[in-house]
Amino acid sequence: MPTLAATATPTASLSGLLILALLFATLCYGVGCWIWPFGACRRCKGTGKRRSPFGRAFGLCRRCGGDGRRLRVGRRILNSLRETHDKGTH
């Protein structure tokens, strides 16, 4: 007669480990957005310039305004959460 043990299944521990890894990655990304809020503009690749249609002249990138940087998505979320918190406390 086989004995039955009341133990957790290995799939439950695997899903718990996956959730823990996801939380750790989210925390690391949040800290990265807090320390380095800007990333390179995708359109101009961080140069701040855009070429004219004929390729000889340069102009300022319209997306970043010639700065070459953009605010990261995670930093936008942090800023909106901070604004929501500040509006709620006043």
N, C-alpha and C. Protein backbone atom coordinates (compact mmCIF):
# COMPACT_ATOMS: atom_id res chain seq x y z
N MET A 1 0.85 -1.16 0.00
CA MET A 1 0.00 0.00 0.00
C MET A 1 0.90 1.24 0.00
N PRO A 2 0.72 2.16 -1.00
CA PRO A 2 1.60 3.34 -1.08
C PRO A 2 1.25 4.35 0.00
N THR A 3 2.28 5.02 0.48
CA THR A 3 2.06 6.07 1.48
C THR A 3 1.91 7.40 0.77
N LEU A 4 0.99 8.20 1.23
CA LEU A 4 0.75 9.52 0.64
C LEU A 4 1.32 10.58 1.57
N ALA A 5 2.10 11.44 1.00
CA ALA A 5 2.70 12.52 1.79
C ALA A 5 2.04 13.85 1.43
N ALA A 6 1.81 14.65 2.41
CA ALA A 6 1.21 15.97 2.20
C ALA A 6 2.34 16.99 2.05
N THR A 7 2.90 17.04 0.87
CA THR A 7 3.98 17.99 0.61
C THR A 7 3.58 18.89 -0.55
N ALA A 8 4.28 19.99 -0.65
CA ALA A 8 4.02 20.93 -1.75
C ALA A 8 4.58 20.35 -3.04
N THR A 9 3.94 20.68 -4.11
CA THR A 9 4.41 20.21 -5.41
C THR A 9 5.56 21.10 -5.90
N PRO A 10 6.45 20.57 -6.71
CA PRO A 10 7.56 21.38 -7.19
C PRO A 10 7.12 22.52 -8.11
N THR A 11 5.96 22.43 -8.76
CA THR A 11 5.50 23.51 -9.63
C THR A 11 5.11 24.73 -8.82
N ALA A 12 4.63 24.55 -7.62
CA ALA A 12 4.27 25.69 -6.78
C ALA A 12 5.53 26.45 -6.38
N SER A 13 6.61 25.75 -6.07
CA SER A 13 7.83 26.44 -5.70
C SER A 13 8.46 27.12 -6.91
N LEU A 14 8.28 26.54 -8.09
CA LEU A 14 8.80 27.15 -9.29
C LEU A 14 8.05 28.44 -9.61
N SER A 15 6.75 28.44 -9.45
CA SER A 15 5.99 29.66 -9.71
C SER A 15 6.30 30.73 -8.66
N GLY A 16 6.50 30.33 -7.42
CA GLY A 16 6.90 31.28 -6.40
C GLY A 16 8.26 31.89 -6.68
N LEU A 17 9.19 31.07 -7.18
CA LEU A 17 10.51 31.56 -7.54
C LEU A 17 10.42 32.52 -8.72
N LEU A 18 9.54 32.23 -9.67
CA LEU A 18 9.35 33.10 -10.82
C LEU A 18 8.78 34.46 -10.39
N ILE A 19 7.82 34.45 -9.50
CA ILE A 19 7.25 35.70 -8.99
C ILE A 19 8.29 36.50 -8.23
N LEU A 20 9.11 35.82 -7.44
CA LEU A 20 10.17 36.49 -6.69
C LEU A 20 11.20 37.11 -7.64
N ALA A 21 11.55 36.40 -8.71
CA ALA A 21 12.49 36.92 -9.69
C ALA A 21 11.91 38.13 -10.42
N LEU A 22 10.61 38.08 -10.73
CA LEU A 22 9.95 39.20 -11.38
C LEU A 22 9.92 40.43 -10.48
N LEU A 23 9.65 40.24 -9.20
CA LEU A 23 9.66 41.35 -8.25
C LEU A 23 11.07 41.94 -8.11
N PHE A 24 12.08 41.10 -8.10
CA PHE A 24 13.46 41.57 -8.01
C PHE A 24 13.85 42.38 -9.25
N ALA A 25 13.45 41.91 -10.43
CA ALA A 25 13.76 42.63 -11.67
C ALA A 25 13.05 43.97 -11.71
N THR A 26 11.79 44.01 -11.25
CA THR A 26 11.05 45.26 -11.21
C THR A 26 11.69 46.24 -10.24
N LEU A 27 12.13 45.75 -9.10
CA LEU A 27 12.80 46.60 -8.13
C LEU A 27 14.11 47.15 -8.69
N CYS A 28 14.88 46.32 -9.37
CA CYS A 28 16.13 46.79 -9.98
C CYS A 28 15.87 47.83 -11.05
N TYR A 29 14.84 47.64 -11.87
CA TYR A 29 14.50 48.62 -12.89
C TYR A 29 14.06 49.93 -12.26
N GLY A 30 13.29 49.86 -11.18
CA GLY A 30 12.85 51.07 -10.49
C GLY A 30 14.01 51.85 -9.90
N VAL A 31 14.97 51.15 -9.31
CA VAL A 31 16.16 51.82 -8.78
C VAL A 31 16.97 52.43 -9.92
N GLY A 32 17.07 51.72 -11.04
CA GLY A 32 17.78 52.26 -12.21
C GLY A 32 17.12 53.51 -12.74
N CYS A 33 15.80 53.54 -12.76
CA CYS A 33 15.08 54.73 -13.21
C CYS A 33 15.23 55.87 -12.23
N TRP A 34 15.40 55.57 -10.97
CA TRP A 34 15.60 56.61 -9.96
C TRP A 34 16.99 57.21 -10.08
N ILE A 35 18.00 56.39 -10.32
CA ILE A 35 19.38 56.88 -10.42
C ILE A 35 19.65 57.50 -11.79
N TRP A 36 19.23 56.83 -12.87
CA TRP A 36 19.46 57.31 -14.23
C TRP A 36 18.11 57.56 -14.90
N PRO A 37 17.51 58.75 -14.72
CA PRO A 37 16.16 58.99 -15.24
C PRO A 37 16.08 59.15 -16.75
N PHE A 38 17.20 59.44 -17.42
CA PHE A 38 17.16 59.69 -18.85
C PHE A 38 17.81 58.57 -19.64
N GLY A 39 17.27 58.32 -20.81
CA GLY A 39 17.83 57.37 -21.76
C GLY A 39 18.05 58.08 -23.08
N ALA A 40 18.74 57.44 -24.00
CA ALA A 40 18.98 58.03 -25.31
C ALA A 40 17.68 58.08 -26.11
N CYS A 41 17.50 59.15 -26.86
CA CYS A 41 16.34 59.29 -27.73
C CYS A 41 16.41 58.22 -28.81
N ARG A 42 15.30 57.55 -29.05
CA ARG A 42 15.31 56.47 -30.04
C ARG A 42 15.34 56.98 -31.47
N ARG A 43 14.75 58.11 -31.69
CA ARG A 43 14.69 58.62 -33.06
C ARG A 43 16.05 59.08 -33.55
N CYS A 44 16.78 59.86 -32.74
CA CYS A 44 18.08 60.38 -33.17
C CYS A 44 19.24 59.57 -32.60
N LYS A 45 18.94 58.54 -31.83
CA LYS A 45 19.94 57.66 -31.21
C LYS A 45 20.90 58.42 -30.28
N GLY A 46 20.38 59.47 -29.63
CA GLY A 46 21.16 60.22 -28.65
C GLY A 46 22.02 61.33 -29.21
N THR A 47 21.97 61.59 -30.50
CA THR A 47 22.79 62.64 -31.07
C THR A 47 22.13 64.01 -30.97
N GLY A 48 20.80 64.06 -30.96
CA GLY A 48 20.08 65.33 -30.92
C GLY A 48 19.89 65.94 -32.30
N LYS A 49 20.38 65.28 -33.31
CA LYS A 49 20.30 65.81 -34.68
C LYS A 49 19.41 64.92 -35.54
N ARG A 50 18.88 65.53 -36.57
CA ARG A 50 18.17 64.75 -37.58
C ARG A 50 18.64 65.23 -38.94
N ARG A 51 18.68 64.33 -39.86
CA ARG A 51 19.12 64.69 -41.21
C ARG A 51 17.96 65.25 -42.01
N SER A 52 18.30 66.09 -42.95
CA SER A 52 17.30 66.58 -43.88
C SER A 52 16.95 65.46 -44.86
N PRO A 53 15.88 65.60 -45.61
CA PRO A 53 15.52 64.53 -46.54
C PRO A 53 16.60 64.24 -47.59
N PHE A 54 17.43 65.23 -47.90
CA PHE A 54 18.47 65.01 -48.91
C PHE A 54 19.79 64.57 -48.30
N GLY A 55 19.91 64.57 -46.96
CA GLY A 55 21.06 64.00 -46.29
C GLY A 55 22.24 64.91 -46.08
N ARG A 56 22.18 66.17 -46.49
CA ARG A 56 23.35 67.05 -46.34
C ARG A 56 23.25 67.93 -45.09
N ALA A 57 22.10 68.47 -44.80
CA ALA A 57 21.94 69.40 -43.69
C ALA A 57 21.43 68.66 -42.45
N PHE A 58 21.69 69.26 -41.29
CA PHE A 58 21.21 68.71 -40.04
C PHE A 58 20.23 69.69 -39.40
N GLY A 59 19.32 69.15 -38.62
CA GLY A 59 18.40 69.95 -37.83
C GLY A 59 18.26 69.31 -36.46
N LEU A 60 17.57 69.97 -35.57
CA LEU A 60 17.36 69.42 -34.24
C LEU A 60 16.27 68.35 -34.29
N CYS A 61 16.47 67.32 -33.51
CA CYS A 61 15.47 66.25 -33.40
C CYS A 61 14.21 66.82 -32.76
N ARG A 62 13.07 66.54 -33.36
CA ARG A 62 11.82 67.09 -32.84
C ARG A 62 11.36 66.36 -31.58
N ARG A 63 11.67 65.10 -31.46
CA ARG A 63 11.19 64.32 -30.32
C ARG A 63 11.89 64.75 -29.02
N CYS A 64 13.21 64.93 -29.07
CA CYS A 64 13.94 65.28 -27.84
C CYS A 64 14.32 66.75 -27.79
N GLY A 65 14.03 67.51 -28.84
CA GLY A 65 14.35 68.94 -28.85
C GLY A 65 15.83 69.21 -29.01
N GLY A 66 16.58 68.28 -29.56
CA GLY A 66 18.00 68.46 -29.78
C GLY A 66 18.85 68.09 -28.58
N ASP A 67 18.23 67.60 -27.54
CA ASP A 67 18.97 67.24 -26.32
C ASP A 67 19.60 65.86 -26.43
N GLY A 68 18.97 64.97 -27.16
CA GLY A 68 19.47 63.61 -27.31
C GLY A 68 19.04 62.67 -26.19
N ARG A 69 18.27 63.19 -25.23
CA ARG A 69 17.83 62.36 -24.11
C ARG A 69 16.32 62.37 -24.03
N ARG A 70 15.77 61.32 -23.44
CA ARG A 70 14.34 61.23 -23.19
C ARG A 70 14.12 60.67 -21.80
N LEU A 71 12.99 60.98 -21.21
CA LEU A 71 12.66 60.46 -19.89
C LEU A 71 12.21 59.02 -20.03
N ARG A 72 12.78 58.13 -19.23
CA ARG A 72 12.45 56.71 -19.30
C ARG A 72 11.03 56.47 -18.82
N VAL A 73 10.43 55.39 -19.28
CA VAL A 73 9.04 55.07 -18.94
C VAL A 73 8.89 54.86 -17.43
N GLY A 74 9.83 54.15 -16.84
CA GLY A 74 9.77 53.92 -15.39
C GLY A 74 9.85 55.20 -14.60
N ARG A 75 10.62 56.17 -15.08
CA ARG A 75 10.72 57.45 -14.38
C ARG A 75 9.42 58.24 -14.52
N ARG A 76 8.76 58.12 -15.67
CA ARG A 76 7.46 58.77 -15.82
C ARG A 76 6.45 58.21 -14.83
N ILE A 77 6.50 56.89 -14.62
CA ILE A 77 5.59 56.26 -13.66
C ILE A 77 5.91 56.74 -12.24
N LEU A 78 7.21 56.81 -11.90
CA LEU A 78 7.59 57.30 -10.58
C LEU A 78 7.15 58.75 -10.37
N ASN A 79 7.30 59.59 -11.40
CA ASN A 79 6.88 60.98 -11.29
C ASN A 79 5.38 61.11 -11.11
N SER A 80 4.60 60.30 -11.84
CA SER A 80 3.15 60.39 -11.69
C SER A 80 2.69 59.88 -10.33
N LEU A 81 3.35 58.84 -9.81
CA LEU A 81 3.02 58.37 -8.47
C LEU A 81 3.35 59.42 -7.41
N ARG A 82 4.47 60.11 -7.59
CA ARG A 82 4.84 61.17 -6.65
C ARG A 82 3.85 62.32 -6.71
N GLU A 83 3.41 62.71 -7.94
CA GLU A 83 2.41 63.79 -8.06
C GLU A 83 1.09 63.39 -7.42
N THR A 84 0.68 62.15 -7.62
CA THR A 84 -0.55 61.67 -7.00
C THR A 84 -0.45 61.70 -5.48
N HIS A 85 0.69 61.30 -4.95
CA HIS A 85 0.90 61.32 -3.51
C HIS A 85 0.89 62.74 -2.98
N ASP A 86 1.55 63.66 -3.70
CA ASP A 86 1.59 65.05 -3.25
C ASP A 86 0.22 65.71 -3.29
N LYS A 87 -0.60 65.39 -4.29
CA LYS A 87 -1.94 65.95 -4.37
C LYS A 87 -2.83 65.40 -3.27
N GLY A 88 -2.59 64.16 -2.85
CA GLY A 88 -3.40 63.56 -1.80
C GLY A 88 -3.06 64.05 -0.42
N THR A 89 -1.84 64.54 -0.21
CA THR A 89 -1.45 64.98 1.12
C THR A 89 -1.77 66.45 1.36
N HIS A 90 -2.07 67.22 0.32
CA HIS A 90 -2.37 68.65 0.52
C HIS A 90 -3.81 68.91 0.63
